[in-house]
């Protein structure tokens, strides 16, 4: 029910502002400004990038299933979906689950996979070495992960490290329900033992493969959140999250533009310096504004222009760029509108307007 609950929540939040495939791009973590922007302004950040391997056909099947079950209804004229009364009941059930509360996609998307691969391989490595079996087939086939674990192990050969990993992991798993801890441990590999596949876990616990993926992702986010909050209590496991938080932007190229902005380069100067189109630099600035809440947009859009954009949103009850543009002074650009929308989340939380 989790992937359905997530999709229902996104439909309820986004409404007619985006097509159903905007939700698909958000869930699969499409590396675009639009998907990140949507996650923030519609307050569905927790779902960004939580199911990167979900295929378009799988997603369409989920939508069709929910339509057949009459959880959602399609507006045949506009092509958008809205929740039926039954769909709203299903959504309320989903809100009562731990998965809903654990997921933190925009914070951990991409980082979660790095963390969990390191953990899986680290547990397998120490288990085999302590059992005097240094030659084993690693469960992770990723050079970056393998090299990281090799470097870590060379520096930490003391058997006490394995006990510390067990102690820290045990402490974390006690924070989960019994079934959550069991599903997580089912994936771990050790000496002469390989963890269960997602298909095997699905069969064991009578779940769908989609739900197993979502559950494991949610548990990973929960564990990472606890580690980040109490690093001093997780001396070893906290090292698995290091070097993942240095770049606050989704792309390195946006970070390069940011550095030039900090040196007082104009947009046109940056475009020339980097041999990029102006529109590309505009995209970078929107991305910077999304990820850096302290970034001042005032030099690109005046207070009056900001208020005009906000008024257009209020009056028309929409976040569609085209509609907002049509109800603003012609001098206000799409770039400026997008910048203002990066700051609407604060206003939404304060209840100053709704869409």
Protein backbone atom coordinates (compact mmCIF):
# COMPACT_ATOMS: atom_id res chain seq x y z
CA UNK A 1 0.00 0.00 0.00
CA UNK A 2 3.00 2.32 0.39
CA UNK A 3 3.67 3.27 -3.22
CA UNK A 4 -0.09 3.81 -3.63
CA UNK A 5 -0.23 5.94 -0.47
CA UNK A 6 2.73 8.01 -1.66
CA UNK A 7 1.14 8.56 -5.07
CA UNK A 8 -2.20 9.50 -3.50
CA UNK A 9 -0.46 12.00 -1.23
CA UNK A 10 1.31 13.57 -4.21
CA UNK A 11 -1.91 13.79 -6.23
CA UNK A 12 -3.67 15.42 -3.27
CA UNK A 13 -0.86 17.95 -2.79
CA UNK A 14 -0.09 18.78 -6.42
CA UNK A 15 -3.61 18.62 -7.82
CA UNK A 16 -3.94 20.06 -11.31
CA UNK A 17 -0.68 22.00 -11.17
CA UNK A 18 1.33 19.20 -12.76
CA UNK A 19 0.66 16.11 -14.87
CA UNK A 20 0.79 12.66 -13.34
CA UNK A 21 4.27 12.23 -14.81
CA UNK A 22 5.51 15.21 -12.83
CA UNK A 23 4.84 12.99 -9.81
CA UNK A 24 6.69 10.11 -11.47
CA UNK A 25 9.76 12.30 -12.07
CA UNK A 26 9.64 13.46 -8.45
CA UNK A 27 9.44 9.94 -6.98
CA UNK A 28 12.23 8.66 -9.23
CA UNK A 29 14.41 11.66 -8.38
CA UNK A 30 14.84 13.11 -11.83
CA UNK A 31 17.88 15.40 -11.73
CA UNK A 32 16.06 18.50 -12.85
CA UNK A 33 15.31 21.86 -11.29
CA UNK A 34 11.60 21.32 -11.95
CA UNK A 35 11.38 18.08 -9.96
CA UNK A 36 13.25 19.50 -6.97
CA UNK A 37 11.21 22.69 -7.23
CA UNK A 38 7.96 20.71 -7.25
CA UNK A 39 9.08 18.70 -4.22
CA UNK A 40 9.59 21.89 -2.24
CA UNK A 41 6.70 24.11 -3.29
CA UNK A 42 4.13 21.31 -3.01
CA UNK A 43 5.66 20.15 0.29
CA UNK A 44 6.33 16.58 -0.83
CA UNK A 45 10.10 16.73 -0.23
CA UNK A 46 9.99 13.43 1.63
CA UNK A 47 9.21 11.59 -1.62
CA UNK A 48 11.92 13.01 -3.86
CA UNK A 49 14.08 10.19 -5.28
CA UNK A 50 12.77 7.45 -3.01
CA UNK A 51 12.23 4.95 -5.84
CA UNK A 52 14.77 5.63 -8.57
CA UNK A 53 14.35 2.22 -10.22
CA UNK A 54 10.57 2.57 -10.65
CA UNK A 55 9.86 2.25 -14.37
CA UNK A 56 7.40 4.44 -16.21
CA UNK A 57 5.32 1.36 -17.06
CA UNK A 58 5.23 0.28 -13.40
CA UNK A 59 4.02 3.74 -12.44
CA UNK A 60 1.31 3.70 -15.11
CA UNK A 61 0.19 0.29 -13.78
CA UNK A 62 -0.07 1.77 -10.27
CA UNK A 63 -2.21 4.64 -11.59
CA UNK A 64 -4.41 2.21 -13.54
CA UNK A 65 -4.83 -0.01 -10.49
CA UNK A 66 -5.90 2.91 -8.32
CA UNK A 67 -8.30 4.05 -11.04
CA UNK A 68 -9.83 0.56 -11.28
CA UNK A 69 -10.16 0.48 -7.48
CA UNK A 70 -11.86 3.88 -7.68
CA UNK A 71 -9.30 5.50 -5.37
CA UNK A 72 -8.68 8.21 -7.96
CA UNK A 73 -10.84 9.69 -10.71
CA UNK A 74 -9.56 11.16 -13.95
CA UNK A 75 -10.90 14.44 -15.28
CA UNK A 76 -11.44 13.49 -18.91
CA UNK A 77 -11.35 17.12 -20.09
CA UNK A 78 -8.14 18.21 -18.36
CA UNK A 79 -6.43 14.84 -17.97
CA UNK A 80 -5.69 15.33 -14.26
CA UNK A 81 -6.58 13.03 -11.37
CA UNK A 82 -8.20 13.71 -8.03
CA UNK A 83 -8.90 11.53 -5.01
CA UNK A 84 -12.28 9.86 -4.48
CA UNK A 85 -13.74 9.56 -0.97
CA UNK A 86 -12.39 6.00 -0.85
CA UNK A 87 -8.97 7.24 -1.97
CA UNK A 88 -8.98 9.76 0.86
CA UNK A 89 -9.67 6.93 3.33
CA UNK A 90 -6.73 4.95 1.95
CA UNK A 91 -4.53 8.04 2.24
CA UNK A 92 -5.51 8.49 5.89
CA UNK A 93 -4.49 4.88 6.55
CA UNK A 94 -1.13 5.55 4.92
CA UNK A 95 -0.60 8.63 7.12
CA UNK A 96 -0.78 6.32 10.17
CA UNK A 97 2.21 4.25 9.01
CA UNK A 98 5.83 4.61 10.11
CA UNK A 99 6.90 4.71 6.47
CA UNK A 100 5.14 8.06 6.04
CA UNK A 101 6.99 9.49 9.04
CA UNK A 102 10.39 7.93 8.23
CA UNK A 103 10.81 9.00 4.59
CA UNK A 104 13.06 12.02 3.98
CA UNK A 105 13.83 11.83 0.27
CA UNK A 106 15.13 15.27 -0.56
CA UNK A 107 17.56 15.13 2.37
CA UNK A 108 18.89 11.64 1.72
CA UNK A 109 18.22 10.85 -1.96
CA UNK A 110 21.45 9.42 -3.42
CA UNK A 111 23.16 9.55 -0.04
CA UNK A 112 20.97 6.71 1.25
CA UNK A 113 22.26 4.29 -1.37
CA UNK A 114 25.88 5.19 -0.60
CA UNK A 115 25.30 4.72 3.13
CA UNK A 116 23.50 1.38 2.86
CA UNK A 117 26.00 -0.09 0.37
CA UNK A 118 28.86 0.83 2.70
CA UNK A 119 27.04 -0.71 5.64
CA UNK A 120 26.13 -3.95 3.83
CA UNK A 121 29.69 -4.48 2.61
CA UNK A 122 31.26 -3.47 5.93
CA UNK A 123 29.15 -6.00 7.86
CA UNK A 124 29.97 -8.71 5.31
CA UNK A 125 33.69 -7.87 5.41
CA UNK A 126 34.11 -7.98 9.19
CA UNK A 127 31.97 -11.09 9.48
CA UNK A 128 34.14 -12.99 6.98
CA UNK A 129 37.48 -11.71 8.22
CA UNK A 130 36.65 -12.60 11.82
CA UNK A 131 35.71 -16.07 10.57
CA UNK A 132 39.15 -16.28 8.90
CA UNK A 133 37.68 -16.16 5.41
CA UNK A 134 39.36 -13.19 3.70
CA UNK A 135 38.41 -14.45 0.23
CA UNK A 136 34.70 -13.95 -0.27
CA UNK A 137 32.45 -12.64 -3.03
CA UNK A 138 31.39 -9.11 -2.08
CA UNK A 139 27.66 -8.44 -2.30
CA UNK A 140 28.26 -4.91 -3.60
CA UNK A 141 29.59 -4.47 -7.13
CA UNK A 142 30.47 -0.80 -6.96
CA UNK A 143 34.08 0.35 -7.15
CA UNK A 144 33.49 3.50 -5.09
CA UNK A 145 31.88 1.53 -2.28
CA UNK A 146 34.46 -1.26 -2.46
CA UNK A 147 37.37 1.18 -2.33
CA UNK A 148 35.81 3.07 0.58
CA UNK A 149 35.33 -0.13 2.60
CA UNK A 150 38.88 -1.32 1.80
CA UNK A 151 40.31 1.99 2.99
CA UNK A 152 38.18 1.91 6.15
CA UNK A 153 39.15 -1.69 6.93
CA UNK A 154 42.88 -1.07 6.45
CA UNK A 155 42.65 1.68 9.07
CA UNK A 156 40.41 -0.32 11.40
CA UNK A 157 41.58 -3.94 11.54
CA UNK A 158 41.04 -4.26 15.29
CA UNK A 159 38.33 -6.92 15.97
CA UNK A 160 36.84 -4.50 18.50
CA UNK A 161 35.58 -2.43 15.56
CA UNK A 162 33.27 -5.28 14.53
CA UNK A 163 31.83 -5.39 18.05
CA UNK A 164 31.37 -1.62 17.97
CA UNK A 165 29.51 -1.82 14.65
CA UNK A 166 27.25 -4.50 16.12
CA UNK A 167 26.66 -2.43 19.26
CA UNK A 168 25.80 0.72 17.31
CA UNK A 169 23.59 -1.10 14.82
CA UNK A 170 21.80 -2.93 17.61
CA UNK A 171 21.12 0.40 19.31
CA UNK A 172 19.60 1.78 16.13
CA UNK A 173 17.46 -1.25 15.39
CA UNK A 174 15.94 -1.08 18.87
CA UNK A 175 14.37 2.19 17.72
CA UNK A 176 12.41 0.31 15.03
CA UNK A 177 9.47 -2.05 15.30
CA UNK A 178 10.27 -5.77 15.42
CA UNK A 179 9.08 -6.34 11.85
CA UNK A 180 11.06 -3.35 10.55
CA UNK A 181 14.22 -4.59 12.27
CA UNK A 182 13.66 -8.08 10.88
CA UNK A 183 13.22 -6.82 7.32
CA UNK A 184 16.38 -4.72 7.63
CA UNK A 185 18.44 -7.61 9.05
CA UNK A 186 17.09 -9.92 6.33
CA UNK A 187 19.19 -7.93 3.84
CA UNK A 188 22.49 -8.29 5.73
CA UNK A 189 25.14 -10.78 4.60
CA UNK A 190 27.82 -12.48 6.67
CA UNK A 191 30.13 -15.50 6.72
CA UNK A 192 28.73 -18.17 4.39
CA UNK A 193 25.43 -16.33 4.33
CA UNK A 194 23.92 -13.92 1.83
CA UNK A 195 21.08 -11.56 2.62
CA UNK A 196 17.66 -12.05 1.10
CA UNK A 197 16.69 -10.32 -2.12
CA UNK A 198 13.78 -7.90 -2.13
CA UNK A 199 11.71 -10.55 -3.91
CA UNK A 200 12.50 -13.09 -1.18
CA UNK A 201 11.64 -10.59 1.56
CA UNK A 202 8.38 -9.79 -0.23
CA UNK A 203 7.46 -13.49 -0.30
CA UNK A 204 8.51 -14.04 3.33
CA UNK A 205 6.47 -11.13 4.68
CA UNK A 206 3.63 -11.27 2.13
CA UNK A 207 4.40 -7.84 0.74
CA UNK A 208 4.75 -6.47 -2.77
CA UNK A 209 8.24 -5.85 -4.10
CA UNK A 210 7.36 -2.16 -4.37
CA UNK A 211 6.46 -2.04 -0.69
CA UNK A 212 9.66 -3.81 0.33
CA UNK A 213 11.68 -1.21 -1.57
CA UNK A 214 9.80 1.66 0.07
CA UNK A 215 10.07 0.09 3.56
CA UNK A 216 13.83 -0.43 3.23
CA UNK A 217 14.29 3.12 1.94
CA UNK A 218 12.21 4.51 4.81
CA UNK A 219 14.18 2.50 7.39
CA UNK A 220 17.46 3.72 5.89
CA UNK A 221 16.31 7.34 6.13
CA UNK A 222 15.24 6.77 9.74
CA UNK A 223 18.62 5.27 10.66
CA UNK A 224 20.57 8.02 8.88
CA UNK A 225 18.51 10.66 10.63
CA UNK A 226 19.24 9.16 14.04
CA UNK A 227 22.95 8.88 13.25
CA UNK A 228 23.20 12.49 12.06
CA UNK A 229 21.40 13.76 15.17
CA UNK A 230 23.62 11.81 17.59
CA UNK A 231 26.96 11.37 15.87
CA UNK A 232 28.75 11.03 19.20
CA UNK A 233 26.70 7.90 19.95
CA UNK A 234 27.51 6.30 16.59
CA UNK A 235 31.25 6.77 16.21
CA UNK A 236 31.64 4.12 13.50
CA UNK A 237 28.35 4.33 11.62
CA UNK A 238 28.56 8.12 11.42
CA UNK A 239 31.67 7.68 9.29
CA UNK A 240 29.52 5.95 6.66
CA UNK A 241 27.68 9.25 6.10
CA UNK A 242 30.78 11.44 5.91
CA UNK A 243 31.79 13.21 2.68
CA UNK A 244 28.16 13.11 1.53
CA UNK A 245 27.07 16.55 2.64
CA UNK A 246 29.72 18.87 1.24
CA UNK A 247 27.86 20.11 -1.83
CA UNK A 248 24.53 21.69 -0.93
CA UNK A 249 23.45 21.87 -4.59
CA UNK A 250 22.08 19.07 -6.70
CA UNK A 251 24.64 19.66 -9.46
CA UNK A 252 28.30 20.67 -9.42
CA UNK A 253 27.72 23.12 -12.26
CA UNK A 254 25.25 25.10 -10.12
CA UNK A 255 27.88 25.22 -7.40
CA UNK A 256 30.39 26.70 -9.86
CA UNK A 257 27.89 29.42 -10.77
CA UNK A 258 27.31 30.04 -7.07
CA UNK A 259 31.02 30.62 -6.47
CA UNK A 260 31.10 33.25 -9.23
CA UNK A 261 28.00 34.95 -7.81
CA UNK A 262 29.78 35.16 -4.47
CA UNK A 263 32.57 37.03 -6.27
CA UNK A 264 30.00 39.56 -7.56
CA UNK A 265 29.90 38.35 -11.16
CA UNK A 266 26.77 39.41 -13.05
CA UNK A 267 24.59 36.81 -14.79
CA UNK A 268 25.88 37.88 -18.20
CA UNK A 269 29.49 37.77 -16.97
CA UNK A 270 28.98 34.25 -15.60
CA UNK A 271 27.48 33.11 -18.91
CA UNK A 272 30.54 34.45 -20.76
CA UNK A 273 33.01 33.12 -18.19
CA UNK A 274 31.48 29.64 -18.28
CA UNK A 275 30.55 29.67 -21.97
CA UNK A 276 26.94 28.83 -21.10
CA UNK A 277 23.57 30.22 -22.18
CA UNK A 278 21.88 32.81 -19.98
CA UNK A 279 18.92 30.47 -19.44
CA UNK A 280 21.30 27.87 -18.04
CA UNK A 281 22.61 30.39 -15.52
CA UNK A 282 19.01 31.26 -14.62
CA UNK A 283 18.40 27.55 -13.91
CA UNK A 284 21.47 27.47 -11.68
CA UNK A 285 20.28 30.47 -9.68
CA UNK A 286 16.86 28.88 -9.14
CA UNK A 287 18.62 25.71 -8.00
CA UNK A 288 20.82 27.69 -5.61
CA UNK A 289 17.75 29.43 -4.17
CA UNK A 290 16.05 26.08 -3.66
CA UNK A 291 18.94 24.60 -1.72
CA UNK A 292 20.24 27.67 0.11
CA UNK A 293 17.44 29.30 2.10
CA UNK A 294 19.79 32.12 3.10
CA UNK A 295 20.42 33.05 -0.55
CA UNK A 296 19.03 36.55 -1.19
CA UNK A 297 16.79 36.67 -4.27
CA UNK A 298 16.24 40.41 -3.84
CA UNK A 299 18.91 41.37 -6.36
CA UNK A 300 17.03 39.44 -9.07
CA UNK A 301 13.41 40.20 -8.19
CA UNK A 302 12.28 43.27 -6.25
CA UNK A 303 9.97 43.21 -3.25
CA UNK A 304 7.17 44.69 -5.37
CA UNK A 305 7.65 42.02 -8.02
CA UNK A 306 7.67 39.31 -5.37
CA UNK A 307 4.38 40.60 -3.97
CA UNK A 308 2.86 40.70 -7.45
CA UNK A 309 3.78 37.08 -8.11
CA UNK A 310 2.41 36.03 -4.72
CA UNK A 311 -0.82 37.91 -5.43
CA UNK A 312 -1.18 36.13 -8.78
CA UNK A 313 -0.79 32.81 -6.97
CA UNK A 314 -3.38 33.78 -4.35
CA UNK A 315 -6.00 35.08 -6.76
CA UNK A 316 -5.71 32.19 -9.23
CA UNK A 317 -5.03 29.45 -6.67
CA UNK A 318 -2.36 27.93 -8.88
CA UNK A 319 1.34 27.30 -9.16
CA UNK A 320 1.29 26.93 -12.95
CA UNK A 321 3.98 29.20 -14.32
CA UNK A 322 2.04 30.15 -17.44
CA UNK A 323 -1.06 31.18 -15.48
CA UNK A 324 0.99 33.20 -13.00
CA UNK A 325 2.84 34.93 -15.86
CA UNK A 326 -0.44 35.89 -17.53
CA UNK A 327 -1.57 37.67 -14.36
CA UNK A 328 1.65 39.58 -13.70
CA UNK A 329 3.14 42.67 -15.29
CA UNK A 330 4.68 41.67 -18.65
CA UNK A 331 8.08 42.83 -17.37
CA UNK A 332 8.17 40.00 -14.82
CA UNK A 333 9.99 37.01 -16.31
CA UNK A 334 9.53 33.29 -15.83
CA UNK A 335 12.93 33.29 -14.13
CA UNK A 336 11.70 35.77 -11.53
CA UNK A 337 8.49 33.83 -10.98
CA UNK A 338 10.44 30.63 -10.41
CA UNK A 339 12.68 32.42 -7.93
CA UNK A 340 9.71 33.68 -5.94
CA UNK A 341 8.23 30.18 -5.89
CA UNK A 342 11.40 28.90 -4.19
CA UNK A 343 10.41 31.05 -1.20
CA UNK A 344 6.71 30.14 -1.07
CA UNK A 345 7.24 27.12 1.18
CA UNK A 346 7.82 29.40 4.17
CA UNK A 347 4.61 31.26 3.40
CA UNK A 348 2.73 27.98 3.05
CA UNK A 349 3.92 26.85 6.47
CA UNK A 350 2.92 30.17 7.99
CA UNK A 351 -0.52 29.82 6.44
CA UNK A 352 -0.40 33.14 4.61
CA UNK A 353 -2.02 31.58 1.56
CA UNK A 354 -2.91 28.21 0.16
CA UNK A 355 -3.11 26.66 -3.28
